[in-house]
């Protein structure tokens, strides 16, 4: 086994504990590498990628398109009206990208979770993010978060978990992708 010099180990340990500035650049908002790493773990295991990263067809079937990691429903993908479902046990329709959903609530599109300031979470504060999950409303005060987003499930995250998730999301490369607004069952757009 190769021996790592103590100076290198000390430098690596120092870097892993060093604060990172949030991508938003807000004064006084810093996070540790460990907090962002915890957030990445939670994002990777809580199913965020399943809906917020568009799917593409791979050699073994649908797979996340990691070139559009957590950027939400592609703005270039204009969805036709959802087909009418027959009476029976089917309730929800999903797009092939798994980023647009239709059901009794209307049509919803998954949000851009990257820190892009115009189309993603770039202008959000940590408090806005936490309040979204606590209230079920965008930024804690806007429109209702609609299905299939499992707010009642994710509301069980602790504030520390949500802070870690937010810290991780702020480390992602910003992706400019304006996601359409939800549409109620009659087809008119809902307000933010």
N, C-alpha and C. Protein backbone atom coordinates (compact mmCIF):
# COMPACT_ATOMS: atom_id res chain seq x y z
N UNK A 1 0.85 -1.17 0.00
CA UNK A 1 0.00 0.00 0.00
C UNK A 1 0.90 1.24 0.00
N UNK A 2 0.56 2.21 -0.80
CA UNK A 2 1.34 3.43 -0.93
C UNK A 2 1.09 4.34 0.27
N UNK A 3 2.16 4.95 0.77
CA UNK A 3 2.07 5.84 1.94
C UNK A 3 1.75 7.26 1.48
N UNK A 4 0.73 7.88 2.07
CA UNK A 4 0.38 9.27 1.77
C UNK A 4 1.07 10.17 2.78
N UNK A 5 1.85 11.16 2.31
CA UNK A 5 2.54 12.05 3.24
C UNK A 5 1.55 12.78 4.16
N UNK A 6 1.93 13.02 5.43
CA UNK A 6 1.05 13.68 6.39
C UNK A 6 0.59 15.06 5.91
N UNK A 7 1.42 15.78 5.19
CA UNK A 7 1.04 17.11 4.71
C UNK A 7 -0.13 17.02 3.73
N UNK A 8 -0.13 16.00 2.87
CA UNK A 8 -1.23 15.81 1.92
C UNK A 8 -2.51 15.46 2.67
N UNK A 9 -2.39 14.55 3.64
CA UNK A 9 -3.57 14.18 4.44
C UNK A 9 -4.15 15.40 5.16
N UNK A 10 -3.28 16.21 5.73
CA UNK A 10 -3.72 17.41 6.43
C UNK A 10 -4.43 18.37 5.48
N UNK A 11 -3.89 18.54 4.26
CA UNK A 11 -4.52 19.42 3.26
C UNK A 11 -5.88 18.89 2.85
N UNK A 12 -5.99 17.58 2.64
CA UNK A 12 -7.27 16.99 2.26
C UNK A 12 -8.30 17.15 3.37
N UNK A 13 -7.89 16.93 4.61
CA UNK A 13 -8.82 17.09 5.73
C UNK A 13 -9.26 18.54 5.88
N UNK A 14 -8.36 19.47 5.66
CA UNK A 14 -8.70 20.89 5.75
C UNK A 14 -9.69 21.27 4.67
N UNK A 15 -9.46 20.80 3.44
CA UNK A 15 -10.38 21.12 2.35
C UNK A 15 -11.76 20.54 2.58
N UNK A 16 -11.83 19.32 3.14
CA UNK A 16 -13.14 18.69 3.32
C UNK A 16 -13.97 19.39 4.39
N UNK A 17 -13.34 20.17 5.26
CA UNK A 17 -14.08 20.88 6.30
C UNK A 17 -14.21 22.37 6.01
N UNK A 18 -13.63 22.82 4.92
CA UNK A 18 -13.67 24.25 4.61
C UNK A 18 -15.06 24.68 4.19
N UNK A 19 -15.49 25.89 4.58
CA UNK A 19 -16.79 26.36 4.14
C UNK A 19 -16.79 26.64 2.65
N UNK A 20 -17.95 26.43 2.03
CA UNK A 20 -18.16 26.76 0.63
C UNK A 20 -19.12 27.92 0.56
N UNK A 21 -18.88 28.88 -0.28
CA UNK A 21 -19.85 29.95 -0.49
C UNK A 21 -20.99 29.39 -1.31
N UNK A 22 -22.21 29.75 -0.96
CA UNK A 22 -23.35 29.37 -1.77
C UNK A 22 -23.23 30.00 -3.14
N UNK A 23 -23.76 29.33 -4.15
CA UNK A 23 -23.74 29.86 -5.51
C UNK A 23 -24.47 31.19 -5.60
N UNK A 24 -25.41 31.43 -4.68
CA UNK A 24 -26.17 32.68 -4.71
C UNK A 24 -25.31 33.87 -4.32
N UNK A 25 -24.20 33.63 -3.62
CA UNK A 25 -23.31 34.70 -3.21
C UNK A 25 -23.84 35.55 -2.08
N UNK A 26 -24.89 35.11 -1.39
CA UNK A 26 -25.45 35.88 -0.29
C UNK A 26 -24.45 35.98 0.84
N UNK A 27 -24.29 37.18 1.38
CA UNK A 27 -23.34 37.40 2.47
C UNK A 27 -23.73 36.56 3.67
N UNK A 28 -22.74 35.94 4.27
CA UNK A 28 -22.97 35.18 5.48
C UNK A 28 -23.53 33.78 5.28
N UNK A 29 -23.93 33.42 4.06
CA UNK A 29 -24.47 32.08 3.82
C UNK A 29 -23.34 31.17 3.36
N UNK A 30 -22.91 30.29 4.24
CA UNK A 30 -21.88 29.32 3.88
C UNK A 30 -22.34 27.95 4.32
N UNK A 31 -21.76 26.97 3.73
CA UNK A 31 -22.07 25.60 4.09
C UNK A 31 -20.79 24.79 4.03
N UNK A 32 -20.76 23.71 4.75
CA UNK A 32 -19.58 22.87 4.73
C UNK A 32 -19.70 21.83 3.62
N UNK A 33 -18.57 21.32 3.24
CA UNK A 33 -18.54 20.24 2.26
C UNK A 33 -19.34 19.05 2.79
N UNK A 34 -19.23 18.78 4.08
CA UNK A 34 -19.95 17.65 4.67
C UNK A 34 -21.46 17.84 4.57
N UNK A 35 -21.95 19.06 4.79
CA UNK A 35 -23.39 19.31 4.68
C UNK A 35 -23.87 19.10 3.25
N UNK A 36 -23.12 19.62 2.28
CA UNK A 36 -23.50 19.44 0.87
C UNK A 36 -23.44 17.96 0.48
N UNK A 37 -22.46 17.23 1.02
CA UNK A 37 -22.35 15.80 0.73
C UNK A 37 -23.56 15.05 1.30
N UNK A 38 -23.98 15.43 2.48
CA UNK A 38 -25.18 14.82 3.07
C UNK A 38 -26.40 15.12 2.20
N UNK A 39 -26.48 16.35 1.70
CA UNK A 39 -27.57 16.73 0.81
C UNK A 39 -27.57 15.92 -0.48
N UNK A 40 -26.39 15.69 -1.03
CA UNK A 40 -26.29 14.87 -2.25
C UNK A 40 -26.81 13.46 -1.98
N UNK A 41 -26.41 12.90 -0.85
CA UNK A 41 -26.89 11.57 -0.47
C UNK A 41 -28.42 11.55 -0.39
N UNK A 42 -29.00 12.56 0.24
CA UNK A 42 -30.46 12.60 0.38
C UNK A 42 -31.14 12.77 -0.99
N UNK A 43 -30.61 13.63 -1.84
CA UNK A 43 -31.17 13.82 -3.18
C UNK A 43 -31.09 12.52 -3.98
N UNK A 44 -29.95 11.85 -3.89
CA UNK A 44 -29.74 10.61 -4.65
C UNK A 44 -30.61 9.47 -4.17
N UNK A 45 -31.01 9.47 -2.89
CA UNK A 45 -31.78 8.34 -2.35
C UNK A 45 -33.26 8.65 -2.18
N UNK A 46 -33.67 9.90 -2.27
CA UNK A 46 -35.07 10.27 -2.02
C UNK A 46 -35.91 10.34 -3.29
N UNK A 47 -35.35 9.97 -4.42
CA UNK A 47 -36.13 9.94 -5.65
C UNK A 47 -36.20 11.26 -6.40
N UNK A 48 -35.44 12.26 -6.01
CA UNK A 48 -35.48 13.56 -6.69
C UNK A 48 -35.11 13.44 -8.16
N UNK A 49 -34.09 12.63 -8.44
CA UNK A 49 -33.62 12.46 -9.81
C UNK A 49 -34.69 11.80 -10.67
N UNK A 50 -35.50 10.91 -10.08
CA UNK A 50 -36.50 10.17 -10.84
C UNK A 50 -37.46 11.08 -11.60
N UNK A 51 -37.81 12.22 -11.05
CA UNK A 51 -38.75 13.12 -11.70
C UNK A 51 -38.12 14.43 -12.18
N UNK A 52 -37.14 14.94 -11.47
CA UNK A 52 -36.57 16.25 -11.80
C UNK A 52 -35.45 16.18 -12.83
N UNK A 53 -34.99 14.97 -13.18
CA UNK A 53 -34.03 14.79 -14.27
C UNK A 53 -34.77 14.08 -15.40
N UNK A 54 -34.88 14.73 -16.57
CA UNK A 54 -35.61 14.10 -17.67
C UNK A 54 -35.02 12.73 -18.02
N UNK A 55 -35.91 11.83 -18.36
CA UNK A 55 -35.50 10.49 -18.79
C UNK A 55 -35.23 10.51 -20.29
N UNK A 56 -34.34 9.61 -20.71
CA UNK A 56 -34.08 9.38 -22.13
C UNK A 56 -34.02 7.87 -22.31
N UNK A 57 -34.14 7.42 -23.55
CA UNK A 57 -34.08 5.99 -23.80
C UNK A 57 -32.61 5.56 -23.85
N UNK A 58 -32.28 4.58 -23.05
CA UNK A 58 -30.92 4.03 -23.01
C UNK A 58 -30.93 2.61 -23.53
N UNK A 59 -29.80 1.94 -23.50
CA UNK A 59 -29.72 0.57 -24.03
C UNK A 59 -30.60 -0.43 -23.28
N UNK A 60 -30.91 -0.13 -22.02
CA UNK A 60 -31.75 -1.04 -21.23
C UNK A 60 -33.11 -0.43 -20.90
N UNK A 61 -33.49 0.61 -21.64
CA UNK A 61 -34.78 1.26 -21.38
C UNK A 61 -34.57 2.68 -20.87
N UNK A 62 -35.61 3.29 -20.30
CA UNK A 62 -35.50 4.67 -19.81
C UNK A 62 -34.44 4.81 -18.73
N UNK A 63 -33.66 5.91 -18.83
CA UNK A 63 -32.64 6.22 -17.84
C UNK A 63 -32.54 7.74 -17.71
N UNK A 64 -32.08 8.24 -16.55
CA UNK A 64 -31.96 9.69 -16.39
C UNK A 64 -30.94 10.27 -17.38
N UNK A 65 -31.30 11.40 -17.98
CA UNK A 65 -30.39 12.13 -18.87
C UNK A 65 -29.56 13.06 -17.99
N UNK A 66 -28.40 12.58 -17.57
CA UNK A 66 -27.58 13.33 -16.60
C UNK A 66 -27.00 14.61 -17.18
N UNK A 67 -27.09 14.81 -18.49
CA UNK A 67 -26.69 16.10 -19.06
C UNK A 67 -27.71 17.18 -18.70
N UNK A 68 -28.89 16.76 -18.22
CA UNK A 68 -29.94 17.70 -17.78
C UNK A 68 -30.29 17.43 -16.31
N UNK A 69 -29.29 17.06 -15.54
CA UNK A 69 -29.44 16.68 -14.13
C UNK A 69 -30.23 17.71 -13.32
N UNK A 70 -31.37 17.28 -12.80
CA UNK A 70 -32.24 18.06 -11.90
C UNK A 70 -32.72 19.39 -12.50
N UNK A 71 -32.76 19.47 -13.83
CA UNK A 71 -33.19 20.71 -14.48
C UNK A 71 -34.70 20.76 -14.75
N UNK A 72 -35.44 19.72 -14.38
CA UNK A 72 -36.89 19.74 -14.52
C UNK A 72 -37.37 19.44 -15.93
N UNK A 73 -38.65 19.70 -16.14
CA UNK A 73 -39.26 19.44 -17.44
C UNK A 73 -38.59 20.30 -18.51
N UNK A 74 -38.12 19.70 -19.61
CA UNK A 74 -37.45 20.49 -20.66
C UNK A 74 -38.39 21.52 -21.27
N UNK A 75 -37.96 22.79 -21.26
CA UNK A 75 -38.80 23.85 -21.81
C UNK A 75 -39.06 23.65 -23.29
N UNK A 76 -38.18 22.96 -23.99
CA UNK A 76 -38.37 22.74 -25.43
C UNK A 76 -39.39 21.64 -25.72
N UNK A 77 -39.79 20.88 -24.71
CA UNK A 77 -40.75 19.80 -24.90
C UNK A 77 -42.16 20.31 -24.62
N UNK A 78 -42.84 20.73 -25.67
CA UNK A 78 -44.22 21.22 -25.55
C UNK A 78 -45.15 20.01 -25.53
N UNK A 79 -45.91 19.90 -24.48
CA UNK A 79 -46.78 18.74 -24.30
C UNK A 79 -48.14 18.98 -24.95
N UNK A 80 -48.65 17.99 -25.67
CA UNK A 80 -50.03 18.10 -26.18
C UNK A 80 -51.00 17.92 -25.02
N UNK A 81 -52.28 18.21 -25.23
CA UNK A 81 -53.24 17.94 -24.16
C UNK A 81 -53.17 16.46 -23.77
N UNK A 82 -53.31 16.17 -22.49
CA UNK A 82 -53.24 14.77 -22.08
C UNK A 82 -54.42 13.98 -22.63
N UNK A 83 -54.20 12.72 -22.97
CA UNK A 83 -55.32 11.91 -23.45
C UNK A 83 -56.32 11.64 -22.33
N UNK A 84 -57.56 11.50 -22.68
CA UNK A 84 -58.59 11.18 -21.68
C UNK A 84 -58.44 9.72 -21.29
N UNK A 85 -58.49 9.48 -20.02
CA UNK A 85 -58.41 8.11 -19.52
C UNK A 85 -59.81 7.53 -19.41
N UNK A 86 -59.96 6.25 -19.70
CA UNK A 86 -61.27 5.63 -19.51
C UNK A 86 -61.58 5.50 -18.02
N UNK A 87 -62.85 5.33 -17.72
CA UNK A 87 -63.23 5.07 -16.33
C UNK A 87 -62.51 3.82 -15.86
N UNK A 88 -62.10 3.82 -14.63
CA UNK A 88 -61.43 2.63 -14.12
C UNK A 88 -60.31 2.97 -13.17
N UNK A 89 -59.38 2.07 -13.03
CA UNK A 89 -58.36 2.23 -11.99
C UNK A 89 -57.21 3.18 -12.35
N UNK A 90 -57.07 3.63 -13.61
CA UNK A 90 -55.98 4.52 -13.97
C UNK A 90 -56.32 5.94 -13.57
N UNK A 91 -55.34 6.65 -12.98
CA UNK A 91 -55.59 7.98 -12.47
C UNK A 91 -54.61 9.02 -13.01
N UNK A 92 -53.35 8.63 -13.24
CA UNK A 92 -52.29 9.57 -13.60
C UNK A 92 -51.63 9.14 -14.91
N UNK A 93 -51.27 10.13 -15.72
CA UNK A 93 -50.51 9.90 -16.95
C UNK A 93 -49.18 10.61 -16.80
N UNK A 94 -48.09 9.96 -17.21
CA UNK A 94 -46.76 10.55 -17.14
C UNK A 94 -46.18 10.66 -18.54
N UNK A 95 -45.41 11.73 -18.77
CA UNK A 95 -44.72 11.88 -20.05
C UNK A 95 -43.58 10.87 -20.14
N UNK A 96 -43.07 10.67 -21.35
CA UNK A 96 -41.95 9.76 -21.55
C UNK A 96 -40.70 10.23 -20.80
N UNK A 97 -40.57 11.54 -20.58
CA UNK A 97 -39.43 12.07 -19.83
C UNK A 97 -39.63 11.94 -18.33
N UNK A 98 -40.82 11.58 -17.90
CA UNK A 98 -41.21 11.50 -16.49
C UNK A 98 -41.07 12.86 -15.79
N UNK A 99 -41.34 13.94 -16.55
CA UNK A 99 -41.26 15.30 -16.00
C UNK A 99 -42.57 16.06 -16.15
N UNK A 100 -43.56 15.46 -16.79
CA UNK A 100 -44.89 16.07 -16.91
C UNK A 100 -45.92 15.02 -16.51
N UNK A 101 -46.91 15.46 -15.73
CA UNK A 101 -47.91 14.53 -15.20
C UNK A 101 -49.30 15.14 -15.34
N UNK A 102 -50.26 14.32 -15.69
CA UNK A 102 -51.65 14.77 -15.80
C UNK A 102 -52.51 13.88 -14.92
N UNK A 103 -53.47 14.53 -14.23
CA UNK A 103 -54.40 13.82 -13.37
C UNK A 103 -55.57 14.74 -13.06
N UNK A 104 -56.38 14.40 -12.08
CA UNK A 104 -57.55 15.21 -11.76
C UNK A 104 -57.21 16.66 -11.40
N UNK A 105 -55.98 16.93 -10.94
CA UNK A 105 -55.54 18.28 -10.58
C UNK A 105 -55.18 19.12 -11.78
N UNK A 106 -55.02 18.51 -12.96
CA UNK A 106 -54.59 19.21 -14.17
C UNK A 106 -53.28 18.63 -14.66
N UNK A 107 -52.39 19.49 -15.13
CA UNK A 107 -51.09 19.07 -15.64
C UNK A 107 -50.00 19.78 -14.83
N UNK A 108 -49.03 19.01 -14.36
CA UNK A 108 -47.91 19.59 -13.62
C UNK A 108 -46.60 19.20 -14.30
N UNK A 109 -45.60 20.03 -14.07
CA UNK A 109 -44.27 19.84 -14.64
C UNK A 109 -43.26 19.92 -13.50
N UNK A 110 -42.25 19.07 -13.53
CA UNK A 110 -41.26 19.09 -12.46
C UNK A 110 -40.37 20.33 -12.57
N UNK A 111 -40.02 20.88 -11.43
CA UNK A 111 -39.28 22.13 -11.33
C UNK A 111 -37.79 21.95 -11.64
N UNK A 112 -37.19 23.05 -12.05
CA UNK A 112 -35.74 23.14 -12.23
C UNK A 112 -35.13 23.36 -10.85
N UNK A 113 -34.37 22.40 -10.37
CA UNK A 113 -33.76 22.48 -9.03
C UNK A 113 -32.33 22.99 -9.06
N UNK A 114 -31.83 23.38 -10.23
CA UNK A 114 -30.47 23.91 -10.30
C UNK A 114 -30.47 25.36 -9.82
N UNK A 115 -29.31 25.92 -9.49
CA UNK A 115 -29.27 27.29 -8.97
C UNK A 115 -29.31 28.39 -10.03
N UNK A 116 -29.91 28.11 -11.19
CA UNK A 116 -30.03 29.16 -12.20
C UNK A 116 -30.90 30.29 -11.63
N UNK A 117 -30.43 31.55 -11.69
CA UNK A 117 -31.17 32.65 -11.04
C UNK A 117 -32.49 33.00 -11.71
N UNK A 118 -32.64 32.77 -13.00
CA UNK A 118 -33.89 33.12 -13.67
C UNK A 118 -34.89 31.96 -13.74
N UNK A 119 -34.41 30.72 -13.83
CA UNK A 119 -35.33 29.61 -14.08
C UNK A 119 -35.27 28.51 -13.03
N UNK A 120 -34.36 28.62 -12.08
CA UNK A 120 -34.20 27.58 -11.07
C UNK A 120 -34.31 28.15 -9.66
N UNK A 121 -33.53 27.60 -8.76
CA UNK A 121 -33.58 27.99 -7.35
C UNK A 121 -32.57 29.08 -6.99
N UNK A 122 -31.96 29.72 -7.98
CA UNK A 122 -30.89 30.68 -7.74
C UNK A 122 -31.24 31.83 -6.83
N UNK A 123 -32.46 32.30 -6.87
CA UNK A 123 -32.88 33.44 -6.02
C UNK A 123 -33.52 32.98 -4.71
N UNK A 124 -33.70 31.69 -4.56
CA UNK A 124 -34.32 31.16 -3.35
C UNK A 124 -33.35 31.25 -2.18
N UNK A 125 -33.91 31.45 -0.99
CA UNK A 125 -33.12 31.36 0.23
C UNK A 125 -33.35 29.98 0.85
N UNK A 126 -32.49 29.64 1.78
CA UNK A 126 -32.66 28.39 2.51
C UNK A 126 -34.04 28.36 3.19
N UNK A 127 -34.46 29.50 3.72
CA UNK A 127 -35.77 29.59 4.38
C UNK A 127 -36.90 29.33 3.37
N UNK A 128 -36.81 29.91 2.16
CA UNK A 128 -37.82 29.66 1.13
C UNK A 128 -37.94 28.16 0.85
N UNK A 129 -36.80 27.50 0.76
CA UNK A 129 -36.77 26.07 0.44
C UNK A 129 -37.44 25.27 1.55
N UNK A 130 -37.07 25.53 2.78
CA UNK A 130 -37.65 24.81 3.92
C UNK A 130 -39.16 25.07 4.00
N UNK A 131 -39.56 26.32 3.84
CA UNK A 131 -40.99 26.66 3.93
C UNK A 131 -41.82 26.02 2.82
N UNK A 132 -41.22 25.76 1.67
CA UNK A 132 -41.93 25.06 0.60
C UNK A 132 -42.40 23.70 1.10
N UNK A 133 -41.53 22.99 1.81
CA UNK A 133 -41.87 21.67 2.32
C UNK A 133 -42.77 21.74 3.53
N UNK A 134 -42.63 22.76 4.34
CA UNK A 134 -43.45 22.88 5.55
C UNK A 134 -44.88 23.32 5.24
N UNK A 135 -45.06 24.14 4.21
CA UNK A 135 -46.39 24.67 3.90
C UNK A 135 -47.05 24.03 2.69
N UNK A 136 -46.25 23.36 1.84
CA UNK A 136 -46.80 22.82 0.60
C UNK A 136 -47.07 23.90 -0.43
N UNK A 137 -46.41 25.06 -0.27
CA UNK A 137 -46.57 26.19 -1.19
C UNK A 137 -45.21 26.63 -1.70
N UNK A 138 -45.17 27.08 -2.94
CA UNK A 138 -43.92 27.54 -3.56
C UNK A 138 -43.31 28.67 -2.73
N UNK A 139 -42.07 28.50 -2.32
CA UNK A 139 -41.35 29.44 -1.48
C UNK A 139 -42.06 29.70 -0.14
N UNK A 140 -42.98 28.82 0.23
CA UNK A 140 -43.69 28.94 1.49
C UNK A 140 -44.86 29.90 1.47
N UNK A 141 -45.10 30.55 0.32
CA UNK A 141 -46.17 31.56 0.27
C UNK A 141 -46.85 31.65 -1.10
N UNK A 142 -46.32 30.95 -2.10
CA UNK A 142 -46.86 31.03 -3.47
C UNK A 142 -47.93 30.00 -3.72
N UNK A 143 -48.01 29.58 -4.97
CA UNK A 143 -49.03 28.61 -5.36
C UNK A 143 -48.78 27.27 -4.69
N UNK A 144 -49.83 26.47 -4.59
CA UNK A 144 -49.75 25.15 -3.98
C UNK A 144 -48.85 24.24 -4.82
N UNK A 145 -48.05 23.42 -4.16
CA UNK A 145 -47.25 22.40 -4.84
C UNK A 145 -48.20 21.25 -5.14
N UNK A 146 -48.26 20.87 -6.40
CA UNK A 146 -49.25 19.90 -6.86
C UNK A 146 -48.66 18.50 -7.02
N UNK A 147 -49.54 17.49 -7.12
CA UNK A 147 -49.08 16.13 -7.39
C UNK A 147 -48.30 16.08 -8.70
N UNK A 148 -47.44 15.13 -8.81
CA UNK A 148 -47.20 14.02 -7.89
C UNK A 148 -46.14 14.32 -6.82
N UNK A 149 -45.73 15.59 -6.66
CA UNK A 149 -44.71 15.92 -5.65
C UNK A 149 -45.20 15.48 -4.28
N UNK A 150 -44.48 14.56 -3.63
CA UNK A 150 -44.94 14.00 -2.36
C UNK A 150 -44.60 14.88 -1.16
N UNK A 151 -45.16 16.07 -1.13
CA UNK A 151 -44.91 16.99 -0.02
C UNK A 151 -45.20 16.34 1.34
N UNK A 152 -46.31 15.59 1.52
CA UNK A 152 -46.54 14.97 2.83
C UNK A 152 -45.42 14.02 3.26
N UNK A 153 -44.75 13.39 2.30
CA UNK A 153 -43.63 12.50 2.62
C UNK A 153 -42.39 13.32 2.93
N UNK A 154 -42.05 14.25 2.03
CA UNK A 154 -40.82 15.03 2.20
C UNK A 154 -40.93 16.03 3.35
N UNK A 155 -42.13 16.32 3.81
CA UNK A 155 -42.30 17.17 4.98
C UNK A 155 -41.72 16.53 6.23
N UNK A 156 -41.47 15.21 6.16
CA UNK A 156 -40.87 14.50 7.29
C UNK A 156 -39.37 14.72 7.42
N UNK A 157 -38.73 15.31 6.39
CA UNK A 157 -37.32 15.64 6.52
C UNK A 157 -37.15 16.65 7.65
N UNK A 158 -36.08 16.54 8.40
CA UNK A 158 -35.78 17.53 9.43
C UNK A 158 -35.30 18.82 8.75
N UNK A 159 -35.29 19.91 9.49
CA UNK A 159 -34.75 21.16 8.94
C UNK A 159 -33.29 20.97 8.53
N UNK A 160 -32.52 20.22 9.31
CA UNK A 160 -31.13 19.96 8.95
C UNK A 160 -31.02 19.20 7.63
N UNK A 161 -31.90 18.22 7.43
CA UNK A 161 -31.92 17.49 6.15
C UNK A 161 -32.23 18.43 4.99
N UNK A 162 -33.26 19.27 5.16
CA UNK A 162 -33.64 20.19 4.09
C UNK A 162 -32.52 21.21 3.82
N UNK A 163 -31.84 21.65 4.87
CA UNK A 163 -30.71 22.57 4.69
C UNK A 163 -29.60 21.88 3.91
N UNK A 164 -29.36 20.62 4.19
CA UNK A 164 -28.32 19.87 3.47
C UNK A 164 -28.70 19.68 2.00
N UNK A 165 -29.96 19.36 1.74
CA UNK A 165 -30.41 19.21 0.36
C UNK A 165 -30.24 20.53 -0.38
N UNK A 166 -30.66 21.61 0.24
CA UNK A 166 -30.53 22.93 -0.39
C UNK A 166 -29.06 23.26 -0.64
N UNK A 167 -28.19 22.95 0.32
CA UNK A 167 -26.76 23.20 0.16
C UNK A 167 -26.22 22.44 -1.04
N UNK A 168 -26.63 21.19 -1.19
CA UNK A 168 -26.18 20.41 -2.35
C UNK A 168 -26.70 21.01 -3.66
N UNK A 169 -27.98 21.35 -3.70
CA UNK A 169 -28.56 21.91 -4.93
C UNK A 169 -27.84 23.18 -5.35
N UNK A 170 -27.38 23.97 -4.38
CA UNK A 170 -26.66 25.21 -4.69
C UNK A 170 -25.28 24.94 -5.29
N UNK A 171 -24.75 23.72 -5.14
CA UNK A 171 -23.45 23.39 -5.72
C UNK A 171 -23.54 22.90 -7.16
N UNK A 172 -24.76 22.64 -7.65
CA UNK A 172 -24.92 22.14 -9.02
C UNK A 172 -24.63 23.23 -10.03
N UNK A 173 -24.23 22.86 -11.24
CA UNK A 173 -24.09 23.87 -12.29
C UNK A 173 -25.48 24.43 -12.63
N UNK A 174 -25.62 25.75 -12.74
CA UNK A 174 -26.91 26.32 -13.11
C UNK A 174 -27.29 25.90 -14.52
N UNK A 175 -28.53 25.49 -14.70
CA UNK A 175 -29.04 25.14 -16.03
C UNK A 175 -30.22 26.04 -16.33
N UNK A 176 -30.12 26.81 -17.40
CA UNK A 176 -31.23 27.67 -17.80
C UNK A 176 -32.29 26.80 -18.47
N UNK A 177 -33.41 26.63 -17.82
CA UNK A 177 -34.51 25.81 -18.33
C UNK A 177 -35.80 26.28 -17.69
N UNK A 178 -36.58 27.06 -18.42
CA UNK A 178 -37.84 27.59 -17.89
C UNK A 178 -38.94 26.54 -18.04
N UNK A 179 -39.36 26.02 -16.91
CA UNK A 179 -40.39 24.98 -16.85
C UNK A 179 -41.76 25.65 -16.98
N UNK A 180 -42.69 25.06 -17.76
CA UNK A 180 -44.03 25.65 -17.87
C UNK A 180 -44.75 25.68 -16.52
N UNK A 181 -45.69 26.59 -16.41
CA UNK A 181 -46.54 26.66 -15.22
C UNK A 181 -47.56 25.52 -15.25
N UNK A 182 -48.02 25.07 -14.08
CA UNK A 182 -49.05 24.03 -14.04
C UNK A 182 -50.33 24.51 -14.74
N UNK A 183 -51.09 23.56 -15.21
CA UNK A 183 -52.38 23.85 -15.83
C UNK A 183 -53.48 23.14 -15.07
N UNK A 184 -54.51 23.88 -14.67
CA UNK A 184 -55.63 23.21 -14.00
C UNK A 184 -56.38 22.34 -15.01
N UNK A 185 -57.33 21.55 -14.56
CA UNK A 185 -58.04 20.63 -15.47
C UNK A 185 -58.65 21.32 -16.69
N UNK A 186 -59.03 22.61 -16.57
CA UNK A 186 -59.66 23.27 -17.73
C UNK A 186 -58.63 23.81 -18.72
N UNK A 187 -57.32 23.75 -18.42
CA UNK A 187 -56.29 24.13 -19.37
C UNK A 187 -55.69 25.51 -19.21
N UNK A 188 -56.22 26.39 -18.36
CA UNK A 188 -55.63 27.72 -18.19
C UNK A 188 -54.49 27.65 -17.18
N UNK A 189 -53.43 28.41 -17.39
CA UNK A 189 -52.23 28.35 -16.55
C UNK A 189 -52.52 28.87 -15.14
N UNK A 190 -51.85 28.28 -14.15
CA UNK A 190 -51.95 28.74 -12.76
C UNK A 190 -50.89 29.76 -12.48
N UNK A 191 -51.12 30.61 -11.51
CA UNK A 191 -50.17 31.67 -11.12
C UNK A 191 -49.12 31.10 -10.19
N UNK A 192 -47.90 31.70 -10.27
CA UNK A 192 -46.82 31.31 -9.35
C UNK A 192 -47.20 31.77 -7.98
